[in-house]
């Protein structure tokens, strides 16, 4: 890995349960004041990178948006 590059966990093919567990972790870190960065991945739609604290993932925006919509209803 190049100096300064981030080790990123690839969740694109992971089970939805693993994705949602990671999204909950990121949400908790964000509530503690950690900034969240979401950017389109170079491979294109629907891949995105998400960075928050020590969590660095590659995932799909579709599952992330689906989790967010479900999460907002619970609030």
PDB file of N, CA and C in Angstrom:
ATOM      1  N   UNK A   1       0.852  -1.172   0.000  1.00  0.00           N
ATOM      2  CA  UNK A   1       0.000   0.000   0.000  1.00  0.00           C
ATOM      3  C   UNK A   1       0.900   1.238   0.000  1.00  0.00           C
ATOM      4  N   UNK A   2       0.549   2.213  -0.798  1.00  0.00           N
ATOM      5  CA  UNK A   2       1.345   3.431  -0.907  1.00  0.00           C
ATOM      6  C   UNK A   2       1.248   4.252   0.374  1.00  0.00           C
ATOM      7  N   UNK A   3       2.321   4.985   0.705  1.00  0.00           N
ATOM      8  CA  UNK A   3       2.264   5.837   1.892  1.00  0.00           C
ATOM      9  C   UNK A   3       1.110   6.825   1.795  1.00  0.00           C
ATOM     10  N   UNK A   4       0.360   6.958   2.870  1.00  0.00           N
ATOM     11  CA  UNK A   4      -0.753   7.887   2.901  1.00  0.00           C
ATOM     12  C   UNK A   4      -2.051   7.328   2.350  1.00  0.00           C
ATOM     13  N   UNK A   5      -1.988   6.120   1.752  1.00  0.00           N
ATOM     14  CA  UNK A   5      -3.226   5.544   1.232  1.00  0.00           C
ATOM     15  C   UNK A   5      -3.979   4.844   2.356  1.00  0.00           C
ATOM     16  N   UNK A   6      -5.254   4.677   2.145  1.00  0.00           N
ATOM     17  CA  UNK A   6      -6.127   4.150   3.177  1.00  0.00           C
ATOM     18  C   UNK A   6      -6.454   2.692   2.860  1.00  0.00           C
ATOM     19  N   UNK A   7      -6.351   1.815   3.886  1.00  0.00           N
ATOM     20  CA  UNK A   7      -6.802   0.442   3.720  1.00  0.00           C
ATOM     21  C   UNK A   7      -8.315   0.437   3.790  1.00  0.00           C
ATOM     22  N   UNK A   8      -8.956   0.025   2.732  1.00  0.00           N
ATOM     23  CA  UNK A   8     -10.402   0.138   2.620  1.00  0.00           C
ATOM     24  C   UNK A   8     -11.027  -1.244   2.553  1.00  0.00           C
ATOM     25  N   UNK A   9     -12.001  -1.517   3.423  1.00  0.00           N
ATOM     26  CA  UNK A   9     -12.706  -2.790   3.420  1.00  0.00           C
ATOM     27  C   UNK A   9     -13.772  -2.756   2.327  1.00  0.00           C
ATOM     28  N   UNK A  10     -13.767  -3.749   1.453  1.00  0.00           N
ATOM     29  CA  UNK A  10     -14.719  -3.815   0.346  1.00  0.00           C
ATOM     30  C   UNK A  10     -15.971  -4.567   0.803  1.00  0.00           C
ATOM     31  N   UNK A  11     -17.085  -3.848   0.906  1.00  0.00           N
ATOM     32  CA  UNK A  11     -18.348  -4.440   1.346  1.00  0.00           C
ATOM     33  C   UNK A  11     -19.334  -4.653   0.204  1.00  0.00           C
ATOM     34  N   UNK A  12     -18.935  -4.387  -1.013  1.00  0.00           N
ATOM     35  CA  UNK A  12     -19.891  -4.436  -2.126  1.00  0.00           C
ATOM     36  C   UNK A  12     -20.586  -5.787  -2.255  1.00  0.00           C
ATOM     37  N   UNK A  13     -19.897  -6.872  -1.989  1.00  0.00           N
ATOM     38  CA  UNK A  13     -20.497  -8.201  -2.123  1.00  0.00           C
ATOM     39  C   UNK A  13     -20.827  -8.826  -0.772  1.00  0.00           C
ATOM     40  N   UNK A  14     -20.672  -8.061   0.306  1.00  0.00           N
ATOM     41  CA  UNK A  14     -20.953  -8.572   1.651  1.00  0.00           C
ATOM     42  C   UNK A  14     -22.449  -8.737   1.865  1.00  0.00           C
ATOM     43  N   UNK A  15     -22.793  -9.563   2.835  1.00  0.00           N
ATOM     44  CA  UNK A  15     -24.197  -9.745   3.208  1.00  0.00           C
ATOM     45  C   UNK A  15     -24.748  -8.418   3.739  1.00  0.00           C
ATOM     46  N   UNK A  16     -26.027  -8.198   3.529  1.00  0.00           N
ATOM     47  CA  UNK A  16     -26.663  -6.951   3.975  1.00  0.00           C
ATOM     48  C   UNK A  16     -26.485  -6.749   5.471  1.00  0.00           C
ATOM     49  N   UNK A  17     -26.466  -7.826   6.240  1.00  0.00           N
ATOM     50  CA  UNK A  17     -26.286  -7.709   7.695  1.00  0.00           C
ATOM     51  C   UNK A  17     -24.931  -7.093   8.032  1.00  0.00           C
ATOM     52  N   UNK A  18     -23.877  -7.523   7.320  1.00  0.00           N
ATOM     53  CA  UNK A  18     -22.549  -6.965   7.560  1.00  0.00           C
ATOM     54  C   UNK A  18     -22.499  -5.498   7.153  1.00  0.00           C
ATOM     55  N   UNK A  19     -23.131  -5.170   6.034  1.00  0.00           N
ATOM     56  CA  UNK A  19     -23.172  -3.776   5.598  1.00  0.00           C
ATOM     57  C   UNK A  19     -23.887  -2.923   6.643  1.00  0.00           C
ATOM     58  N   UNK A  20     -25.053  -3.377   7.095  1.00  0.00           N
ATOM     59  CA  UNK A  20     -25.835  -2.587   8.048  1.00  0.00           C
ATOM     60  C   UNK A  20     -25.108  -2.430   9.380  1.00  0.00           C
ATOM     61  N   UNK A  21     -24.391  -3.449   9.816  1.00  0.00           N
ATOM     62  CA  UNK A  21     -23.604  -3.345  11.052  1.00  0.00           C
ATOM     63  C   UNK A  21     -22.537  -2.264  10.896  1.00  0.00           C
ATOM     64  N   UNK A  22     -21.895  -2.232   9.738  1.00  0.00           N
ATOM     65  CA  UNK A  22     -20.873  -1.212   9.483  1.00  0.00           C
ATOM     66  C   UNK A  22     -21.500   0.171   9.387  1.00  0.00           C
ATOM     67  N   UNK A  23     -22.661   0.280   8.732  1.00  0.00           N
ATOM     68  CA  UNK A  23     -23.340   1.572   8.626  1.00  0.00           C
ATOM     69  C   UNK A  23     -23.752   2.082  10.015  1.00  0.00           C
ATOM     70  N   UNK A  24     -24.188   1.176  10.900  1.00  0.00           N
ATOM     71  CA  UNK A  24     -24.532   1.582  12.280  1.00  0.00           C
ATOM     72  C   UNK A  24     -23.295   2.077  13.024  1.00  0.00           C
ATOM     73  N   UNK A  25     -22.162   1.410  12.816  1.00  0.00           N
ATOM     74  CA  UNK A  25     -20.913   1.844  13.439  1.00  0.00           C
ATOM     75  C   UNK A  25     -20.555   3.250  12.976  1.00  0.00           C
ATOM     76  N   UNK A  26     -20.641   3.489  11.680  1.00  0.00           N
ATOM     77  CA  UNK A  26     -20.337   4.815  11.132  1.00  0.00           C
ATOM     78  C   UNK A  26     -21.308   5.851  11.686  1.00  0.00           C
ATOM     79  N   UNK A  27     -22.577   5.506  11.777  1.00  0.00           N
ATOM     80  CA  UNK A  27     -23.576   6.428  12.323  1.00  0.00           C
ATOM     81  C   UNK A  27     -23.234   6.789  13.768  1.00  0.00           C
ATOM     82  N   UNK A  28     -22.834   5.807  14.554  1.00  0.00           N
ATOM     83  CA  UNK A  28     -22.448   6.065  15.940  1.00  0.00           C
ATOM     84  C   UNK A  28     -21.234   6.974  16.033  1.00  0.00           C
ATOM     85  N   UNK A  29     -20.246   6.750  15.163  1.00  0.00           N
ATOM     86  CA  UNK A  29     -19.055   7.615  15.145  1.00  0.00           C
ATOM     87  C   UNK A  29     -19.431   9.039  14.746  1.00  0.00           C
ATOM     88  N   UNK A  30     -20.348   9.159  13.788  1.00  0.00           N
ATOM     89  CA  UNK A  30     -20.799  10.488  13.348  1.00  0.00           C
ATOM     90  C   UNK A  30     -21.509  11.208  14.485  1.00  0.00           C
ATOM     91  N   UNK A  31     -22.317  10.484  15.255  1.00  0.00           N
ATOM     92  CA  UNK A  31     -23.004  11.098  16.393  1.00  0.00           C
ATOM     93  C   UNK A  31     -22.025  11.571  17.457  1.00  0.00           C
ATOM     94  N   UNK A  32     -20.839  10.959  17.500  1.00  0.00           N
ATOM     95  CA  UNK A  32     -19.795  11.381  18.441  1.00  0.00           C
ATOM     96  C   UNK A  32     -18.974  12.550  17.893  1.00  0.00           C
ATOM     97  N   UNK A  33     -19.316  13.005  16.696  1.00  0.00           N
ATOM     98  CA  UNK A  33     -18.639  14.172  16.134  1.00  0.00           C
ATOM     99  C   UNK A  33     -17.602  13.874  15.071  1.00  0.00           C
ATOM    100  N   UNK A  34     -17.426  12.613  14.706  1.00  0.00           N
ATOM    101  CA  UNK A  34     -16.475  12.287  13.642  1.00  0.00           C
ATOM    102  C   UNK A  34     -17.065  12.670  12.293  1.00  0.00           C
ATOM    103  N   UNK A  35     -16.318  13.383  11.465  1.00  0.00           N
ATOM    104  CA  UNK A  35     -16.830  13.736  10.143  1.00  0.00           C
ATOM    105  C   UNK A  35     -16.946  12.493   9.254  1.00  0.00           C
ATOM    106  N   UNK A  36     -17.940  12.513   8.375  1.00  0.00           N
ATOM    107  CA  UNK A  36     -18.163  11.414   7.433  1.00  0.00           C
ATOM    108  C   UNK A  36     -17.956  11.952   6.022  1.00  0.00           C
ATOM    109  N   UNK A  37     -17.187  11.217   5.243  1.00  0.00           N
ATOM    110  CA  UNK A  37     -16.945  11.586   3.851  1.00  0.00           C
ATOM    111  C   UNK A  37     -17.460  10.454   2.965  1.00  0.00           C
ATOM    112  N   UNK A  38     -18.316  10.796   2.001  1.00  0.00           N
ATOM    113  CA  UNK A  38     -18.823   9.822   1.033  1.00  0.00           C
ATOM    114  C   UNK A  38     -18.504  10.361  -0.357  1.00  0.00           C
ATOM    115  N   UNK A  39     -17.784   9.550  -1.137  1.00  0.00           N
ATOM    116  CA  UNK A  39     -17.389   9.974  -2.474  1.00  0.00           C
ATOM    117  C   UNK A  39     -17.604   8.845  -3.467  1.00  0.00           C
ATOM    118  N   UNK A  40     -17.947   9.207  -4.693  1.00  0.00           N
ATOM    119  CA  UNK A  40     -18.068   8.206  -5.740  1.00  0.00           C
ATOM    120  C   UNK A  40     -16.699   7.561  -5.964  1.00  0.00           C
ATOM    121  N   UNK A  41     -16.682   6.253  -6.077  1.00  0.00           N
ATOM    122  CA  UNK A  41     -15.449   5.515  -6.322  1.00  0.00           C
ATOM    123  C   UNK A  41     -15.090   5.617  -7.800  1.00  0.00           C
ATOM    124  N   UNK A  42     -13.834   5.527  -8.093  1.00  0.00           N
ATOM    125  CA  UNK A  42     -13.357   5.636  -9.466  1.00  0.00           C
ATOM    126  C   UNK A  42     -13.935   4.598 -10.414  1.00  0.00           C
ATOM    127  N   UNK A  43     -14.434   3.485  -9.866  1.00  0.00           N
ATOM    128  CA  UNK A  43     -15.019   2.448 -10.723  1.00  0.00           C
ATOM    129  C   UNK A  43     -16.413   2.841 -11.202  1.00  0.00           C
ATOM    130  N   UNK A  44     -16.972   3.904 -10.619  1.00  0.00           N
ATOM    131  CA  UNK A  44     -18.253   4.415 -11.079  1.00  0.00           C
ATOM    132  C   UNK A  44     -19.442   3.935 -10.279  1.00  0.00           C
ATOM    133  N   UNK A  45     -20.617   4.439 -10.666  1.00  0.00           N
ATOM    134  CA  UNK A  45     -21.874   4.131  -9.997  1.00  0.00           C
ATOM    135  C   UNK A  45     -22.106   2.630 -10.000  1.00  0.00           C
ATOM    136  N   UNK A  46     -22.556   2.043  -8.911  1.00  0.00           N
ATOM    137  CA  UNK A  46     -23.017   2.619  -7.659  1.00  0.00           C
ATOM    138  C   UNK A  46     -21.974   2.583  -6.537  1.00  0.00           C
ATOM    139  N   UNK A  47     -20.688   2.393  -6.883  1.00  0.00           N
ATOM    140  CA  UNK A  47     -19.650   2.250  -5.854  1.00  0.00           C
ATOM    141  C   UNK A  47     -19.296   3.597  -5.233  1.00  0.00           C
ATOM    142  N   UNK A  48     -19.206   3.613  -3.894  1.00  0.00           N
ATOM    143  CA  UNK A  48     -18.799   4.808  -3.160  1.00  0.00           C
ATOM    144  C   UNK A  48     -17.812   4.414  -2.071  1.00  0.00           C
ATOM    145  N   UNK A  49     -16.973   5.373  -1.708  1.00  0.00           N
ATOM    146  CA  UNK A  49     -16.114   5.199  -0.553  1.00  0.00           C
ATOM    147  C   UNK A  49     -16.716   5.987   0.605  1.00  0.00           C
ATOM    148  N   UNK A  50     -16.591   5.421   1.794  1.00  0.00           N
ATOM    149  CA  UNK A  50     -17.079   6.087   2.995  1.00  0.00           C
ATOM    150  C   UNK A  50     -15.944   6.074   4.002  1.00  0.00           C
ATOM    151  N   UNK A  51     -15.630   7.238   4.555  1.00  0.00           N
ATOM    152  CA  UNK A  51     -14.578   7.373   5.551  1.00  0.00           C
ATOM    153  C   UNK A  51     -15.136   8.077   6.768  1.00  0.00           C
ATOM    154  N   UNK A  52     -14.909   7.496   7.937  1.00  0.00           N
ATOM    155  CA  UNK A  52     -15.341   8.088   9.202  1.00  0.00           C
ATOM    156  C   UNK A  52     -14.434   7.551  10.292  1.00  0.00           C
ATOM    157  N   UNK A  53     -13.644   8.427  10.881  1.00  0.00           N
ATOM    158  CA  UNK A  53     -12.707   7.981  11.905  1.00  0.00           C
ATOM    159  C   UNK A  53     -11.765   6.939  11.329  1.00  0.00           C
ATOM    160  N   UNK A  54     -11.681   5.789  12.001  1.00  0.00           N
ATOM    161  CA  UNK A  54     -10.814   4.706  11.543  1.00  0.00           C
ATOM    162  C   UNK A  54     -11.537   3.737  10.601  1.00  0.00           C
ATOM    163  N   UNK A  55     -12.773   4.037  10.229  1.00  0.00           N
ATOM    164  CA  UNK A  55     -13.547   3.171   9.337  1.00  0.00           C
ATOM    165  C   UNK A  55     -13.428   3.700   7.907  1.00  0.00           C
ATOM    166  N   UNK A  56     -12.961   2.830   7.023  1.00  0.00           N
ATOM    167  CA  UNK A  56     -12.780   3.174   5.614  1.00  0.00           C
ATOM    168  C   UNK A  56     -13.336   2.013   4.802  1.00  0.00           C
ATOM    169  N   UNK A  57     -14.426   2.270   4.073  1.00  0.00           N
ATOM    170  CA  UNK A  57     -15.065   1.189   3.333  1.00  0.00           C
ATOM    171  C   UNK A  57     -15.325   1.575   1.884  1.00  0.00           C
ATOM    172  N   UNK A  58     -15.494   0.548   1.077  1.00  0.00           N
ATOM    173  CA  UNK A  58     -15.973   0.669  -0.291  1.00  0.00           C
ATOM    174  C   UNK A  58     -17.283  -0.095  -0.301  1.00  0.00           C
ATOM    175  N   UNK A  59     -18.364   0.560  -0.692  1.00  0.00           N
ATOM    176  CA  UNK A  59     -19.679  -0.068  -0.658  1.00  0.00           C
ATOM    177  C   UNK A  59     -20.503   0.441  -1.830  1.00  0.00           C
ATOM    178  N   UNK A  60     -21.747   0.033  -1.868  1.00  0.00           N
ATOM    179  CA  UNK A  60     -22.635   0.517  -2.927  1.00  0.00           C
ATOM    180  C   UNK A  60     -23.612   1.531  -2.327  1.00  0.00           C
ATOM    181  N   UNK A  61     -23.859   2.588  -3.061  1.00  0.00           N
ATOM    182  CA  UNK A  61     -24.729   3.659  -2.579  1.00  0.00           C
ATOM    183  C   UNK A  61     -26.165   3.182  -2.406  1.00  0.00           C
ATOM    184  N   UNK A  62     -26.574   2.171  -3.165  1.00  0.00           N
ATOM    185  CA  UNK A  62     -27.954   1.700  -3.092  1.00  0.00           C
ATOM    186  C   UNK A  62     -28.272   1.095  -1.724  1.00  0.00           C
ATOM    187  N   UNK A  63     -27.391   0.231  -1.210  1.00  0.00           N
ATOM    188  CA  UNK A  63     -27.643  -0.353   0.111  1.00  0.00           C
ATOM    189  C   UNK A  63     -27.503   0.698   1.203  1.00  0.00           C
ATOM    190  N   UNK A  64     -26.595   1.639   1.017  1.00  0.00           N
ATOM    191  CA  UNK A  64     -26.417   2.705   2.001  1.00  0.00           C
ATOM    192  C   UNK A  64     -27.660   3.587   2.068  1.00  0.00           C
ATOM    193  N   UNK A  65     -28.206   3.947   0.917  1.00  0.00           N
ATOM    194  CA  UNK A  65     -29.421   4.764   0.895  1.00  0.00           C
ATOM    195  C   UNK A  65     -30.617   4.003   1.468  1.00  0.00           C
ATOM    196  N   UNK A  66     -30.702   2.721   1.177  1.00  0.00           N
ATOM    197  CA  UNK A  66     -31.790   1.901   1.708  1.00  0.00           C
ATOM    198  C   UNK A  66     -31.698   1.836   3.236  1.00  0.00           C
ATOM    199  N   UNK A  67     -30.479   1.637   3.773  1.00  0.00           N
ATOM    200  CA  UNK A  67     -30.295   1.605   5.221  1.00  0.00           C
ATOM    201  C   UNK A  67     -30.667   2.962   5.824  1.00  0.00           C
ATOM    202  N   UNK A  68     -30.234   4.057   5.193  1.00  0.00           N
ATOM    203  CA  UNK A  68     -30.500   5.396   5.713  1.00  0.00           C
ATOM    204  C   UNK A  68     -32.004   5.671   5.772  1.00  0.00           C
ATOM    205  N   UNK A  69     -32.742   5.281   4.737  1.00  0.00           N
ATOM    206  CA  UNK A  69     -34.193   5.505   4.714  1.00  0.00           C
ATOM    207  C   UNK A  69     -34.859   4.741   5.859  1.00  0.00           C
ATOM    208  N   UNK A  70     -34.433   3.507   6.099  1.00  0.00           N
ATOM    209  CA  UNK A  70     -34.969   2.699   7.183  1.00  0.00           C
ATOM    210  C   UNK A  70     -34.584   3.300   8.541  1.00  0.00           C
ATOM    211  N   UNK A  71     -33.362   3.765   8.656  1.00  0.00           N
ATOM    212  CA  UNK A  71     -32.836   4.345   9.890  1.00  0.00           C
ATOM    213  C   UNK A  71     -33.579   5.637  10.251  1.00  0.00           C
ATOM    214  N   UNK A  72     -33.852   6.473   9.259  1.00  0.00           N
ATOM    215  CA  UNK A  72     -34.540   7.745   9.502  1.00  0.00           C
ATOM    216  C   UNK A  72     -35.948   7.519  10.051  1.00  0.00           C
ATOM    217  N   UNK A  73     -36.613   6.479   9.594  1.00  0.00           N
ATOM    218  CA  UNK A  73     -37.978   6.184  10.067  1.00  0.00           C
ATOM    219  C   UNK A  73     -37.976   5.821  11.546  1.00  0.00           C
ATOM    220  N   UNK A  74     -36.890   5.237  12.043  1.00  0.00           N
ATOM    221  CA  UNK A  74     -36.811   4.817  13.449  1.00  0.00           C
ATOM    222  C   UNK A  74     -36.537   5.984  14.387  1.00  0.00           C
ATOM    223  N   UNK A  75     -36.042   7.077  13.866  1.00  0.00           N
ATOM    224  CA  UNK A  75     -35.667   8.227  14.701  1.00  0.00           C
ATOM    225  C   UNK A  75     -36.865   8.984  15.163  1.00  0.00           C
TER     226      UNK A  75
END
